[in-house]
Protein backbone atom coordinates (compact mmCIF):
# COMPACT_ATOMS: atom_id res chain seq x y z
CA MET A 1 0.01 -0.04 0.04
CA ASP A 2 1.24 3.38 -1.01
CA PRO A 3 1.97 5.94 1.99
CA ASP A 4 -0.20 8.88 2.82
CA PHE A 5 2.17 11.81 1.82
CA SER A 6 -0.33 14.59 2.43
CA ARG A 7 -0.78 13.91 6.19
CA ALA A 8 0.37 16.75 8.48
CA SER A 9 3.92 16.93 9.88
CA GLY A 10 2.65 16.06 13.31
CA GLY A 11 3.59 12.80 14.97
CA PRO A 12 6.74 11.43 16.14
CA SER A 13 9.98 13.44 15.46
CA TYR A 14 13.10 11.76 14.19
CA GLU A 15 15.21 14.98 14.62
CA PHE A 16 17.72 12.64 16.37
CA ALA A 17 18.48 10.74 13.37
CA PHE A 18 19.14 13.53 11.12
CA ASN A 19 22.76 13.02 9.70
CA SER A 20 23.38 10.34 11.98
CA VAL A 21 25.27 7.47 10.76
CA ASN A 22 23.87 5.21 13.43
CA PHE A 23 20.37 5.68 12.30
CA SER A 24 21.04 5.98 8.59
CA ASP A 25 21.30 3.50 5.60
CA ARG A 26 22.34 5.65 2.86
CA VAL A 27 24.45 8.81 2.05
CA LEU A 28 23.15 11.54 0.16
CA ARG A 29 25.85 13.32 -1.78
CA ILE A 30 24.68 17.11 -2.69
CA GLU A 31 26.76 18.66 -5.50
CA ILE A 32 26.62 22.46 -5.42
CA ALA A 33 26.83 24.04 -8.78
CA PRO A 34 27.02 27.66 -9.65
CA GLY A 35 23.69 29.43 -9.96
CA ASP A 36 21.64 32.14 -8.55
CA ASP A 37 17.91 31.33 -9.48
CA ALA A 38 16.68 31.43 -6.07
CA PRO A 39 17.53 34.15 -3.50
CA GLY A 40 17.87 34.02 0.13
CA ALA A 41 20.32 30.92 0.11
CA LYS A 42 24.03 30.96 1.28
CA GLY A 43 26.38 31.60 -1.56
CA GLY A 44 23.80 32.55 -4.16
CA ALA A 45 23.30 35.71 -5.97
CA GLY A 46 20.02 36.35 -4.18
CA GLU A 47 21.89 36.27 -0.85
CA GLY A 48 20.85 39.49 1.04
CA CYS A 49 17.16 39.36 -0.17
CA SER A 50 15.56 40.89 3.01
CA SER A 51 12.01 40.99 1.63
CA VAL A 52 9.56 39.31 -0.55
CA ALA A 53 9.66 42.09 -2.80
CA ASP A 54 13.62 41.65 -3.29
CA TRP A 55 12.98 37.99 -3.74
CA ALA A 56 10.33 38.61 -6.48
CA ARG A 57 12.48 41.21 -8.38
CA HIS A 58 15.48 38.99 -8.39
CA ARG A 59 13.39 35.94 -9.47
CA LYS A 60 12.00 37.95 -12.39
CA ARG A 61 15.48 39.32 -13.33
CA ARG A 62 16.85 35.79 -13.23
CA ARG A 63 13.97 34.33 -15.38
CA ASP A 64 14.55 37.21 -18.03
CA GLU A 65 18.28 36.29 -18.04
CA LEU A 66 17.43 32.55 -18.73
CA ARG A 67 15.04 33.35 -21.32
CA ARG A 68 17.64 35.54 -23.33
CA GLU A 69 20.23 32.68 -22.76
CA LYS A 70 17.72 30.21 -24.19
CA GLU A 71 17.10 32.36 -27.15
CA CYS A 72 20.67 32.65 -27.80
CA GLY A 73 21.28 29.07 -27.76
CA LYS A 74 23.28 29.18 -24.44
CA TYR A 75 20.70 27.92 -22.10
CA MET A 76 21.98 24.73 -20.32
CA LEU A 77 19.68 22.70 -17.85
CA GLU A 78 21.62 23.04 -14.64
CA THR A 79 19.39 23.05 -11.75
CA ALA A 80 17.78 20.31 -9.73
CA LYS A 81 19.00 17.48 -11.35
CA VAL A 82 20.66 14.19 -10.16
CA LYS A 83 23.67 12.72 -11.87
CA VAL A 84 23.60 8.82 -12.48
CA GLU A 85 26.83 7.16 -12.81
CA ALA A 86 26.09 3.32 -12.64
CA GLU A 87 28.30 0.68 -14.64
CA GLU A 88 27.24 2.27 -18.04
CA ARG A 89 28.38 5.75 -16.92
CA ASP A 90 25.38 7.22 -18.75
CA THR A 91 24.28 10.79 -17.59
CA TYR A 92 20.81 11.73 -16.89
CA GLU A 93 19.64 15.29 -16.49
CA GLU A 94 16.13 16.83 -15.85
CA THR A 95 14.78 20.45 -15.74
CA SER A 96 14.70 22.20 -12.41
CA GLU A 97 10.91 22.24 -12.58
CA GLU A 98 10.50 18.43 -12.30
CA PRO A 99 13.61 16.95 -10.69
CA VAL A 100 14.09 13.03 -11.16
CA ALA A 101 16.66 11.57 -8.86
CA MET A 102 18.72 8.23 -9.38
CA ILE A 103 20.96 6.25 -7.47
CA GLU A 104 24.58 6.13 -8.47
CA GLU A 105 26.59 2.87 -7.71
CA SER A 106 29.88 4.74 -7.17
CA PRO A 107 30.02 8.42 -6.93
CA PRO A 108 32.83 10.26 -8.33
CA ASP A 109 35.65 11.55 -6.09
CA VAL A 110 35.43 15.27 -5.17
CA GLY A 111 37.79 16.98 -2.92
CA GLN A 112 36.90 19.01 0.17
CA ASP A 113 37.97 22.20 -1.68
CA GLY A 114 35.04 21.69 -4.05
CA GLU A 115 37.34 20.87 -7.07
CA ASP A 116 36.43 17.66 -9.17
CA GLY A 117 38.69 14.86 -8.88
CA GLU A 118 39.70 12.59 -11.77
CA SER A 119 36.56 11.40 -13.76
CA SER A 120 35.83 9.60 -16.85
CA ASP A 121 33.00 12.04 -17.57
CA SER A 122 34.43 14.75 -19.51
CA SER A 123 31.18 16.58 -19.53
CA LEU A 124 31.93 17.61 -15.92
CA ASN A 125 34.63 19.83 -17.12
CA MET A 126 32.00 22.05 -19.14
CA GLU A 127 30.88 25.23 -17.49
CA CYS A 128 27.42 24.25 -17.13
CA ASN A 129 28.59 21.05 -15.02
CA GLN A 130 31.03 22.99 -12.62
CA VAL A 131 30.82 21.70 -8.97
CA LEU A 132 31.43 24.51 -6.31
CA ARG A 133 31.72 21.99 -3.53
CA VAL A 134 29.96 18.74 -2.35
CA LYS A 135 28.28 18.24 0.90
CA SER A 136 27.51 14.55 2.01
CA ILE A 137 24.86 13.53 4.65
CA TYR A 138 23.59 10.46 6.15
CA ILE A 139 20.05 9.79 5.28
CA SER A 140 17.21 7.34 6.28
CA SER A 141 15.45 6.06 3.17
CA ALA A 142 12.60 5.04 5.25
CA ILE A 143 12.02 8.53 6.69
CA LEU A 144 12.36 10.30 3.52
CA ALA A 145 10.24 7.91 1.68
CA ALA A 146 7.37 8.42 4.10
CA LYS A 147 7.25 12.11 3.33
CA SER A 148 8.17 12.44 -0.13
CA PRO A 149 6.88 10.54 -3.27
CA PHE A 150 10.21 11.68 -5.03
CA PHE A 151 12.23 9.83 -2.63
CA TYR A 152 9.77 6.98 -2.35
CA LYS A 153 10.01 6.16 -6.04
CA LEU A 154 13.85 6.56 -5.90
CA PHE A 155 14.20 4.06 -3.15
CA SER A 156 11.51 1.61 -4.55
CA ASN A 157 11.98 1.63 -8.16
CA GLY A 158 13.00 -2.16 -8.15
CA MET A 159 16.13 -1.09 -10.24
CA LYS A 160 19.60 -2.46 -8.82
CA GLU A 161 20.34 1.19 -8.21
CA SER A 162 18.03 1.47 -5.36
CA ASP A 163 19.93 -1.05 -3.49
CA GLN A 164 23.05 1.12 -3.38
CA ARG A 165 24.15 3.36 -0.43
CA HIS A 166 24.86 6.61 -2.55
CA ALA A 167 22.61 9.14 -4.22
CA THR A 168 23.75 12.23 -5.92
CA LEU A 169 21.69 15.39 -6.04
CA ARG A 170 22.67 18.40 -7.74
CA ILE A 171 21.55 21.95 -6.97
CA THR A 172 22.49 25.40 -7.46
CA ALA A 173 24.28 27.31 -4.76
CA SER A 174 21.29 29.45 -3.95
CA GLU A 175 19.18 26.56 -3.24
CA GLU A 176 21.40 24.91 -0.62
CA ASN A 177 19.73 26.49 2.53
CA ALA A 178 16.44 25.78 1.24
CA LEU A 179 17.38 21.99 0.47
CA MET A 180 18.92 21.55 4.25
CA GLU A 181 15.85 23.09 5.73
CA LEU A 182 13.67 20.68 3.77
CA LEU A 183 15.63 17.68 4.64
CA SER A 184 15.68 18.79 8.39
CA PHE A 185 11.82 19.22 8.36
CA ILE A 186 11.35 15.71 6.99
CA TYR A 187 12.93 14.64 10.20
CA SER A 188 11.89 17.00 12.80
CA GLY A 189 8.51 18.64 11.32
CA LYS A 190 10.06 22.14 12.12
CA LEU A 191 11.71 24.97 10.31
CA THR A 192 14.44 27.17 11.83
CA THR A 193 13.58 30.40 10.00
CA ASN A 194 10.64 32.87 9.69
CA GLN A 195 12.24 34.95 6.86
CA PRO A 196 9.62 35.44 4.04
CA ALA A 197 12.27 35.03 1.39
CA LEU A 198 13.84 31.90 2.57
CA LEU A 199 10.23 30.37 3.30
CA LEU A 200 9.41 30.85 -0.28
CA ASP A 201 12.70 29.08 -1.25
CA ILE A 202 11.74 26.21 1.12
CA LEU A 203 8.22 26.37 -0.56
CA MET A 204 9.57 26.19 -3.87
CA MET A 205 12.00 23.25 -2.97
CA SER A 206 9.26 21.32 -1.37
CA ASP A 207 7.18 21.58 -4.46
CA LYS A 208 10.07 20.10 -6.44
CA PHE A 209 10.62 17.17 -4.06
CA GLU A 210 6.84 16.88 -3.42
CA VAL A 211 6.72 17.11 0.23
CA VAL A 212 3.38 18.28 0.85
CA SER A 213 3.61 18.57 4.65
CA CYS A 214 6.57 21.29 4.17
CA MET A 215 4.40 23.09 1.63
CA ARG A 216 1.48 23.28 4.08
CA HIS A 217 3.79 24.43 6.85
CA CYS A 218 5.52 27.05 4.89
CA SER A 219 2.07 28.32 3.64
CA GLN A 220 0.92 28.56 7.22
CA LEU A 221 4.07 30.51 8.20
CA LEU A 222 3.58 32.88 5.31
CA ARG A 223 0.00 33.60 6.12
CA SER A 224 1.02 34.43 9.59
CA LEU A 225 3.31 37.39 8.24
CA PRO A 226 1.98 40.73 7.36
CA MET A 227 0.92 40.55 3.61
CA THR A 228 1.64 43.44 1.06
CA THR A 229 0.44 43.74 -2.40
CA GLU A 230 3.91 42.58 -3.80
CA SER A 231 3.77 39.53 -1.55
CA ALA A 232 0.20 38.65 -2.34
CA LEU A 233 0.95 38.84 -6.15
CA LEU A 234 3.92 36.75 -5.75
CA TYR A 235 1.73 34.07 -3.78
CA LEU A 236 -0.59 33.97 -6.68
CA ASP A 237 2.20 33.52 -9.03
CA LEU A 238 3.75 30.60 -7.28
CA PRO A 239 4.68 27.79 -9.93
CA SER A 240 3.33 24.95 -7.95
CA SER A 241 2.33 21.71 -9.77
CA ILE A 242 -1.34 20.94 -9.91
CA SER A 243 -0.99 17.88 -7.65
CA MET A 244 0.52 20.11 -4.82
CA ALA A 245 -1.84 23.14 -5.40
CA ALA A 246 -4.08 22.15 -2.54
CA ALA A 247 -1.17 22.66 -0.07
CA VAL A 248 -0.77 26.15 -0.77
CA GLN A 249 -4.54 26.94 -1.44
CA PRO A 250 -5.08 28.77 2.03
CA LEU A 251 -2.08 30.96 1.26
CA THR A 252 -3.36 31.86 -2.33
CA ASP A 253 -6.87 32.28 -0.78
CA ALA A 254 -5.49 34.76 1.86
CA ALA A 255 -3.69 36.63 -1.10
CA LYS A 256 -6.91 37.05 -3.18
CA GLU A 257 -8.80 38.09 -0.03
CA PHE A 258 -6.13 40.81 0.88
CA LEU A 259 -6.09 42.27 -2.77
CA ALA A 260 -10.07 42.19 -2.80
CA ASN A 261 -10.03 44.02 0.59
CA LYS A 262 -7.42 46.59 -0.31
CA TYR A 263 -8.83 47.46 -3.85
CA LYS A 264 -12.26 47.35 -2.56
CA ASP A 265 -13.02 50.86 -3.62
CA LEU A 266 -11.95 50.49 -7.23
CA THR A 267 -12.70 53.83 -8.17
CA LYS A 268 -10.22 55.20 -5.45
CA PHE A 269 -7.56 52.96 -6.47
CA GLN A 270 -7.93 52.78 -10.12
CA ASP A 271 -4.56 54.37 -11.10
CA GLU A 272 -2.79 51.99 -8.78
CA ALA A 273 -4.80 48.75 -9.91
CA MET A 274 -3.84 49.60 -13.45
CA ASN A 275 -0.31 48.33 -12.78
CA ILE A 276 -1.36 45.18 -11.15
CA PRO A 277 -0.83 42.10 -13.14
CA LEU A 278 -3.56 39.70 -14.60
CA ALA A 279 -3.74 37.22 -11.41
CA GLY A 280 -4.17 40.19 -8.90
CA ILE A 281 -7.00 41.79 -11.30
CA GLU A 282 -8.77 38.52 -11.26
CA ALA A 283 -8.72 38.42 -7.47
CA ILE A 284 -10.18 41.86 -7.30
CA LEU A 285 -12.90 41.31 -9.97
CA TRP A 286 -13.94 37.67 -8.20
CA SER A 287 -15.24 39.88 -5.01
CA ASP A 288 -18.75 40.54 -4.46
CA ASP A 289 -17.85 43.36 -2.12
CA LEU A 290 -16.19 45.52 -4.90
CA GLN A 291 -17.29 49.15 -4.32
CA VAL A 292 -17.89 50.71 -7.69
CA ALA A 293 -20.55 53.01 -9.17
CA SER A 294 -22.06 50.37 -11.01
CA GLU A 295 -21.04 47.29 -13.10
CA ASP A 296 -20.54 49.73 -16.01
CA ALA A 297 -17.48 50.95 -14.31
CA VAL A 298 -16.11 47.53 -13.85
CA TYR A 299 -16.39 46.85 -17.55
CA ASP A 300 -14.87 50.07 -18.37
CA PHE A 301 -11.91 49.53 -16.29
CA VAL A 302 -11.27 46.00 -17.47
CA ILE A 303 -11.08 47.33 -21.08
CA LYS A 304 -8.78 50.30 -20.08
CA TRP A 305 -6.66 47.90 -18.11
CA ALA A 306 -6.53 45.37 -20.96
CA ARG A 307 -5.67 47.86 -23.59
CA ALA A 308 -2.69 49.13 -21.34
CA GLN A 309 -1.32 45.83 -20.43
CA TYR A 310 -1.69 44.15 -23.90
CA PRO A 311 -1.21 46.70 -27.00
CA LYS A 312 -1.78 43.74 -29.37
CA LEU A 313 -5.32 43.26 -30.40
CA GLU A 314 -5.22 39.47 -30.67
CA GLU A 315 -3.57 38.88 -27.28
CA ARG A 316 -5.94 41.45 -25.60
CA ARG A 317 -8.92 39.66 -27.11
CA GLU A 318 -7.83 36.45 -25.71
CA ILE A 319 -7.12 37.57 -22.08
CA LEU A 320 -10.38 39.36 -22.13
CA GLY A 321 -12.26 36.36 -23.28
CA THR A 322 -10.73 33.76 -21.22
CA HIS A 323 -9.85 35.58 -18.05
CA LEU A 324 -11.61 38.95 -17.38
CA LEU A 325 -15.10 39.23 -19.24
CA PRO A 326 -16.09 36.08 -17.30
CA LEU A 327 -15.86 38.05 -14.04
CA VAL A 328 -18.03 41.06 -15.45
CA ARG A 329 -21.40 40.67 -14.42
CA PHE A 330 -23.18 41.95 -17.52
CA SER A 331 -26.57 41.15 -16.20
CA HIS A 332 -26.28 44.32 -13.80
CA MET A 333 -24.85 46.64 -16.55
CA THR A 334 -27.27 49.26 -18.03
CA CYS A 335 -28.69 48.62 -21.45
CA ARG A 336 -26.94 51.68 -22.79
CA LYS A 337 -23.65 50.18 -22.01
CA LEU A 338 -24.61 46.66 -23.26
CA ARG A 339 -25.20 48.47 -26.63
CA LYS A 340 -21.52 49.61 -26.48
CA VAL A 341 -20.34 45.99 -25.60
CA LEU A 342 -21.60 44.75 -28.75
CA ALA A 343 -19.76 47.56 -30.61
CA CYS A 344 -16.48 47.25 -28.85
CA ASN A 345 -13.58 46.07 -31.10
CA ASP A 346 -11.65 44.64 -28.27
CA VAL A 347 -14.29 41.93 -27.51
CA ASP A 348 -14.88 38.96 -29.61
CA HIS A 349 -18.27 39.55 -31.31
CA GLU A 350 -19.73 35.99 -30.59
CA GLN A 351 -18.76 36.38 -26.97
CA ALA A 352 -20.09 39.80 -26.94
CA THR A 353 -23.36 38.83 -28.23
CA LYS A 354 -23.87 35.72 -26.03
CA SER A 355 -22.99 37.87 -22.88
CA VAL A 356 -25.31 40.69 -23.77
CA THR A 357 -28.14 38.25 -24.86
CA ASP A 358 -27.70 36.40 -21.51
CA ALA A 359 -28.00 39.64 -19.40
CA LEU A 360 -31.08 40.92 -21.22
CA LEU A 361 -32.69 37.49 -20.62
CA TYR A 362 -31.95 37.88 -16.98
CA LYS A 363 -33.35 41.24 -16.90
CA ALA A 364 -36.50 40.20 -18.44
CA ASP A 365 -36.93 37.09 -16.03
CA ALA A 366 -39.31 36.92 -13.06
CA PRO A 367 -37.99 38.25 -9.68
CA HIS A 368 -37.99 34.60 -8.25
CA ARG A 369 -36.03 33.26 -11.17
CA GLN A 370 -33.52 36.02 -10.85
CA ARG A 371 -33.04 35.23 -6.92
CA ALA A 372 -32.52 31.64 -7.98
CA LEU A 373 -30.07 32.43 -10.45
CA ALA A 374 -28.12 34.79 -7.98
CA ALA A 375 -28.08 31.86 -5.50
CA ASP A 376 -26.98 29.24 -7.80
CA VAL A 377 -23.37 28.10 -6.86
CA LEU A 378 -22.57 26.96 -10.38
CA ALA A 379 -23.08 30.54 -11.54
CA TYR A 380 -19.89 31.73 -9.85
CA GLY A 381 -21.33 34.91 -8.81
CA LYS A 382 -22.15 35.77 -12.35
CA TYR A 383 -25.63 37.18 -11.23
CA THR A 384 -24.72 38.52 -7.92
CA GLU A 385 -25.04 42.14 -7.33
CA ARG A 386 -21.85 43.70 -5.82
CA ALA A 387 -21.81 46.56 -3.36
CA TYR A 388 -22.66 49.23 -6.07
CA LYS A 389 -22.74 52.85 -5.08
CA TYR A 390 -25.90 53.24 -7.40
CA ARG A 391 -28.58 50.62 -7.40
CA PRO A 392 -29.24 48.87 -10.55
CA LEU A 393 -32.56 49.50 -12.51
CA LYS A 394 -34.59 47.50 -14.90
CA VAL A 395 -35.40 49.92 -17.79
CA VAL A 396 -38.04 49.53 -20.68
CA GLU A 397 -37.75 52.36 -23.30
CA PHE A 398 -40.13 53.28 -26.14
CA ASP A 399 -39.92 55.88 -29.17
CA ARG A 400 -43.36 55.97 -30.25
CA PRO A 401 -45.97 57.62 -29.98
CA TYR A 402 -43.92 59.63 -27.48
CA PRO A 403 -40.27 59.16 -25.95
CA GLN A 404 -41.05 57.15 -22.86
CA CYS A 405 -39.49 54.83 -20.36
CA ILE A 406 -40.38 52.67 -17.43
CA ALA A 407 -37.67 52.31 -14.66
CA TYR A 408 -38.05 49.63 -12.01
CA LEU A 409 -36.09 49.98 -8.66
CA ASP A 410 -36.07 47.04 -6.16
CA LEU A 411 -34.84 47.55 -2.75
CA LYS A 412 -34.39 44.99 -0.07
CA ARG A 413 -35.70 45.31 3.35
CA GLU A 414 -32.38 45.56 4.91
CA GLU A 415 -31.44 48.42 2.50
CA CYS A 416 -34.28 50.29 3.60
CA THR A 417 -33.51 49.64 7.32
CA LYS A 418 -30.19 51.25 6.61
CA LEU A 419 -31.82 54.42 5.28
CA PHE A 420 -33.02 55.30 8.94
CA PRO A 421 -32.96 58.19 10.06
CA SER A 422 -31.72 60.31 7.23
CA GLY A 423 -29.98 58.01 4.56
CA ARG A 424 -30.30 57.99 0.82
CA ILE A 425 -30.03 55.52 -1.88
CA TYR A 426 -29.45 56.70 -5.50
CA SER A 427 -30.06 54.60 -8.64
CA GLN A 428 -28.15 54.06 -11.67
CA ALA A 429 -28.65 56.72 -14.50
CA PHE A 430 -31.10 55.89 -17.16
CA HIS A 431 -31.84 57.82 -20.21
CA LEU A 432 -35.01 59.32 -22.13
CA ALA A 433 -34.72 61.49 -25.24
CA GLY A 434 -30.91 61.96 -24.68
CA GLN A 435 -31.24 63.16 -21.18
CA GLY A 436 -29.84 61.38 -18.05
CA PHE A 437 -32.35 60.53 -15.03
CA PHE A 438 -32.02 58.92 -11.74
CA LEU A 439 -34.22 57.91 -8.67
CA SER A 440 -33.46 58.43 -5.00
CA ALA A 441 -34.87 56.84 -2.24
CA HIS A 442 -34.73 58.97 1.11
CA CYS A 443 -35.66 58.44 4.65
CA ASN A 444 -36.76 61.95 5.91
CA MET A 445 -39.19 63.83 8.13
CA ASP A 446 -42.57 64.71 6.85
CA GLN A 447 -43.56 68.22 5.87
CA GLN A 448 -44.75 69.15 9.30
CA GLY A 449 -41.55 67.49 10.92
CA ALA A 450 -43.84 65.04 13.11
CA PHE A 451 -42.29 61.81 11.93
CA HIS A 452 -39.81 59.88 9.58
CA CYS A 453 -41.19 58.52 6.33
CA PHE A 454 -40.09 57.08 3.11
CA GLY A 455 -39.69 59.42 0.11
CA LEU A 456 -38.97 58.92 -3.58
CA PHE A 457 -37.46 61.58 -5.97
CA LEU A 458 -36.68 61.82 -9.78
CA GLY A 459 -33.70 63.78 -10.65
CA MET A 460 -32.01 64.84 -13.73
CA GLN A 461 -28.37 64.48 -14.13
CA GLU A 462 -27.36 67.22 -16.42
CA LYS A 463 -26.74 70.74 -15.11
CA GLY A 464 -26.89 73.86 -17.02
CA SER A 465 -29.38 75.54 -19.40
CA THR A 466 -31.05 72.35 -20.57
CA SER A 467 -34.88 72.40 -19.85
CA VAL A 468 -36.97 69.29 -20.28
CA THR A 469 -40.59 68.91 -19.21
CA VAL A 470 -41.62 65.22 -18.29
CA ASP A 471 -44.88 63.59 -17.21
CA TYR A 472 -44.04 61.10 -14.53
CA GLU A 473 -45.87 58.59 -12.36
CA PHE A 474 -44.48 56.86 -9.05
CA ALA A 475 -45.99 53.27 -8.49
CA ALA A 476 -45.22 50.67 -5.91
CA ARG A 477 -46.13 46.83 -5.99
CA SER A 478 -48.35 45.90 -2.82
CA ARG A 479 -50.01 42.74 -1.47
CA PRO A 480 -52.06 40.88 -1.76
CA SER A 481 -52.69 41.75 -5.55
CA GLY A 482 -48.98 41.92 -6.31
CA GLU A 483 -49.80 44.70 -8.93
CA PHE A 484 -48.21 48.03 -9.06
CA VAL A 485 -50.53 50.88 -7.50
CA SER A 486 -50.05 54.41 -8.66
CA LYS A 487 -48.91 56.59 -5.71
CA TYR A 488 -48.43 59.94 -7.43
CA LYS A 489 -48.26 61.49 -10.68
CA GLY A 490 -47.63 64.98 -12.08
CA TYR A 491 -45.38 66.91 -14.81
CA TYR A 492 -42.32 68.69 -14.08
CA THR A 493 -39.92 70.94 -16.04
CA PHE A 494 -36.25 69.93 -15.13
CA THR A 495 -33.62 72.84 -15.27
CA GLY A 496 -30.15 72.84 -13.70
CA GLY A 497 -30.08 69.35 -12.39
CA LYS A 498 -33.27 69.81 -10.10
CA ALA A 499 -35.29 67.02 -8.73
CA VAL A 500 -38.88 66.33 -8.12
CA GLY A 501 -40.55 63.75 -5.84
CA TYR A 502 -42.53 63.17 -2.50
CA ARG A 503 -41.43 63.21 1.00
CA ASN A 504 -43.98 60.52 2.24
CA LEU A 505 -44.61 58.12 -0.88
CA PHE A 506 -46.74 56.13 0.98
CA ALA A 507 -48.41 58.60 3.38
CA ILE A 508 -47.51 56.47 6.60
CA PRO A 509 -44.85 56.93 9.16
CA TRP A 510 -41.46 55.04 8.92
CA PRO A 511 -42.42 52.29 11.66
CA SER A 512 -45.54 51.34 9.68
CA PHE A 513 -43.71 51.29 6.43
CA MET A 514 -41.04 48.79 7.78
CA ALA A 515 -43.38 46.74 9.94
CA ASP A 516 -43.33 43.15 9.25
CA ASP A 517 -46.98 43.13 7.94
CA SER A 518 -46.30 46.08 5.55
CA LEU A 519 -48.15 45.91 2.27
CA PHE A 520 -45.07 47.24 0.57
CA PHE A 521 -42.61 44.41 1.18
CA ILE A 522 -42.99 41.18 -1.02
CA ASN A 523 -40.52 38.61 0.02
CA GLY A 524 -38.59 41.33 1.56
CA VAL A 525 -38.14 43.33 -1.52
CA LEU A 526 -39.78 46.91 -2.15
CA HIS A 527 -40.63 47.22 -5.79
CA LEU A 528 -40.86 50.71 -7.37
CA ARG A 529 -41.74 51.87 -10.71
CA ALA A 530 -41.23 55.35 -12.02
CA GLU A 531 -42.85 56.12 -15.63
CA LEU A 532 -41.40 59.10 -17.58
CA THR A 533 -42.77 60.60 -20.86
CA ILE A 534 -41.86 63.55 -22.97
CA LYS A 535 -44.77 64.58 -24.89
CA GLN A 536 -43.93 66.53 -28.26
CA PRO A 537 -45.39 70.10 -28.35
């Protein structure tokens, strides 16, 4: 039966057996070669990285260097590999991402000063195979195999090499500290550091050697440290394998939550957010608590960010289509903005058409169906309202015989509760004959100042010399009929952004309006309707 490699690091400690000849059955020979691809380790170019930001900058710089070397034909596979020297003297190498270890029957002689001894393998003289020094430690194959599938396969592969006492690993100088911490952890279940840069190195090394318990431990320690935007973005960019992803999931979840909370007010931090990479933007857009004026503003930000980050149209369309647009909640966008989505060249036309069609079908659906869709976990928040500064509306527009529109505003009971004693809720803008209007719900005193009551007002966005005369009617749905009942109607000439409305829409005090047996809350929702008509002279 295969061992359970995913269990926690708790249990008996074998710290006394680490590097002890009396409790070991093999020797692990660690060849340390030049390299600086992982800072935070002794002897590496990353030594002196005192913060996660330094660590990230160094890794990025190193990745860029390796990419340029590869393009120039100079890139050599040189990290996290194991040299095999059995009778045939064959040499096997693997990339640093997926190390594969083999046992060597007779390790080559290496002097204590780090210089290679005599060897028939001339490739060792190549620059890419230089060995700075060699470190040998005593190991217990049973203890290592119990915690790591990597070592389990190594010591149980059924080949004759698995019976030998010596195994050779080759690492870069900058990985030495991380590897020694990892080996010590396998025995003791403890780490001797809480430095974030070194913890990240150990996490990376744990991923390479598939030590899930150490990955989980590093993740817990990193989560306990103060998080910054730089560290959160780095945790979202960790190159963990799919099989190991569960071990660091709490860390990445914490990073997503940090970014979502920090950039909750996207309007306030929009300039800063424009420089955040894709993984961070996805984390922000997943949030239901995103504070924006409306979903229109989310869409505008996504398009602006994509244009800045991906100048090439094809690449921009790919990123928008596969990563960002699925996070935009089209069902809560205004019809005016949905029309612009269809005309946007940055978005694939077929995807835009489907998104807009789904949004319009949702808007036309019955309220109970909308609530069911919003609660569906398989919808991944697609229909969930965010913490919009302006409440979404459902708007129906007519051109004939007169310019006319009907705006529906739904307010939850808890939203109305928060209005007391002097709060206001503003709706998204809607348009009639080219003019922008909005609704606002108020809790205010009645005209005599005797009691609090619920008021509803209609305002025009544009300020200035524009003058528009509108016939309007306010209505509310009431029980038991469920039909909209007209409350007030009239006409008003809007100039200079003025508003018209009624301080006491329902002609009752606030306590009666909010009572459990109130006629105006249906399933906990207040349904309001405003009908506007501009009659031609």
